[in-house]
Amino acid sequence: MATTTPTLPPLDPHQVSHSYQVFLGVTGMMTTLSTLAVAGRFASRKLGGGIASDDWTALAALVFAYGFMIMTALVATQGHAGYHILRYSMPQLEQYLKVGSGI
């Protein structure tokens, strides 16, 4: 009895995988909610008693959240993340590693 390995369809470089579509959606939604929370925090502190150092720390964390969201979008669109490693060719893996490392 011969075993056959299933052939994988070629990687479509113009398509983001389903798992990364979900990941991008969740990342975007959470970053939006974080932005609203930090904006609400600044508004309430300005009305209530002044902006303190912990508010600026929350704003700095929000900047990093935006960086994470941008990097996630780049890895999904330019690096074609979300597919099994066997579906990538060597040039595609090199592109993914370049995007992921920031080169």
Protein backbone atom coordinates (compact mmCIF):
# COMPACT_ATOMS: atom_id res chain seq x y z
CA MET A 1 0.00 0.00 0.00
CA ALA A 2 1.60 3.22 -1.12
CA THR A 3 1.20 6.38 0.86
CA THR A 4 0.94 9.64 -0.93
CA THR A 5 1.60 13.01 0.51
CA PRO A 6 -1.00 15.59 -0.39
CA THR A 7 0.21 18.28 -2.71
CA LEU A 8 -0.29 21.74 -1.39
CA PRO A 9 -1.70 24.46 -3.60
CA PRO A 10 0.80 27.16 -4.47
CA LEU A 11 1.09 30.12 -2.15
CA ASP A 12 -0.84 33.08 -3.46
CA PRO A 13 1.34 36.14 -2.83
CA HIS A 14 -1.65 38.46 -3.15
CA GLN A 15 -3.72 36.78 -0.48
CA VAL A 16 -3.41 36.93 3.31
CA SER A 17 -4.14 33.65 5.06
CA HIS A 18 -7.41 33.29 6.93
CA SER A 19 -5.70 32.98 10.31
CA TYR A 20 -3.85 36.23 9.76
CA GLN A 21 -7.02 37.97 8.59
CA VAL A 22 -8.55 37.11 11.95
CA PHE A 23 -5.35 38.14 13.76
CA LEU A 24 -5.27 41.49 11.94
CA GLY A 25 -8.93 42.09 12.76
CA VAL A 26 -8.46 41.37 16.45
CA THR A 27 -5.29 43.47 16.60
CA GLY A 28 -7.03 46.40 14.91
CA MET A 29 -10.07 46.15 17.15
CA MET A 30 -8.04 45.97 20.35
CA THR A 31 -5.83 48.87 19.28
CA THR A 32 -8.95 50.93 18.57
CA LEU A 33 -10.38 50.09 21.99
CA SER A 34 -7.05 50.98 23.60
CA THR A 35 -7.04 54.31 21.79
CA LEU A 36 -10.54 55.07 23.05
CA ALA A 37 -9.58 54.07 26.60
CA VAL A 38 -6.48 56.26 26.64
CA ALA A 39 -8.39 59.18 25.12
CA GLY A 40 -11.10 58.76 27.76
CA ARG A 41 -8.46 58.60 30.46
CA PHE A 42 -6.86 61.86 29.33
CA ALA A 43 -10.27 63.57 29.04
CA SER A 44 -11.37 62.51 32.52
CA ARG A 45 -8.04 63.43 34.08
CA LYS A 46 -8.06 66.83 32.44
CA LEU A 47 -11.52 67.54 33.84
CA GLY A 48 -10.84 65.98 37.23
CA GLY A 49 -7.50 66.98 38.55
CA GLY A 50 -4.66 67.01 36.11
CA ILE A 51 -2.69 64.64 33.95
CA ALA A 52 -0.11 62.57 35.83
CA SER A 53 2.88 60.45 34.84
CA ASP A 54 0.82 57.25 34.68
CA ASP A 55 -1.28 58.83 31.93
CA TRP A 56 1.82 59.50 29.88
CA THR A 57 2.92 55.92 30.46
CA ALA A 58 -0.42 54.70 29.10
CA LEU A 59 0.10 56.91 26.05
CA ALA A 60 3.61 55.48 25.54
CA ALA A 61 2.17 51.95 25.73
CA LEU A 62 -0.38 52.94 23.10
CA VAL A 63 2.45 53.99 20.78
CA PHE A 64 3.92 50.50 21.13
CA ALA A 65 0.48 48.99 20.42
CA TYR A 66 0.36 50.93 17.16
CA GLY A 67 3.85 49.68 16.33
CA PHE A 68 2.72 46.10 16.94
CA MET A 69 -0.33 46.59 14.73
CA ILE A 70 1.77 48.04 11.90
CA MET A 71 4.33 45.26 12.17
CA THR A 72 1.59 42.64 12.14
CA ALA A 73 0.13 44.14 8.96
CA LEU A 74 3.55 44.23 7.30
CA VAL A 75 4.35 40.64 8.18
CA ALA A 76 0.95 39.53 6.86
CA THR A 77 1.05 41.49 3.61
CA GLN A 78 4.74 41.65 2.73
CA GLY A 79 5.97 38.51 4.50
CA HIS A 80 2.92 36.36 3.67
CA ALA A 81 2.70 34.97 7.21
CA GLY A 82 0.06 32.52 8.35
CA TYR A 83 0.79 29.63 6.02
CA HIS A 84 2.55 26.38 6.86
CA ILE A 85 6.31 26.60 6.32
CA LEU A 86 6.23 23.87 3.66
CA ARG A 87 4.15 26.14 1.42
CA TYR A 88 6.92 28.75 1.15
CA SER A 89 9.68 28.86 -1.41
CA MET A 90 13.16 29.96 -0.36
CA PRO A 91 12.78 33.53 -1.72
CA GLN A 92 9.46 33.86 0.14
CA LEU A 93 11.09 32.68 3.38
CA GLU A 94 13.89 35.19 2.91
CA GLN A 95 11.34 37.99 2.40
CA TYR A 96 9.44 36.89 5.54
CA LEU A 97 12.60 36.88 7.63
CA LYS A 98 13.61 40.30 6.29
CA VAL A 99 10.25 41.83 7.21
CA GLY A 100 10.17 40.11 10.59
CA SER A 101 13.64 41.30 11.54
CA GLY A 102 13.11 44.85 10.30
CA ILE A 103 15.76 44.75 7.56
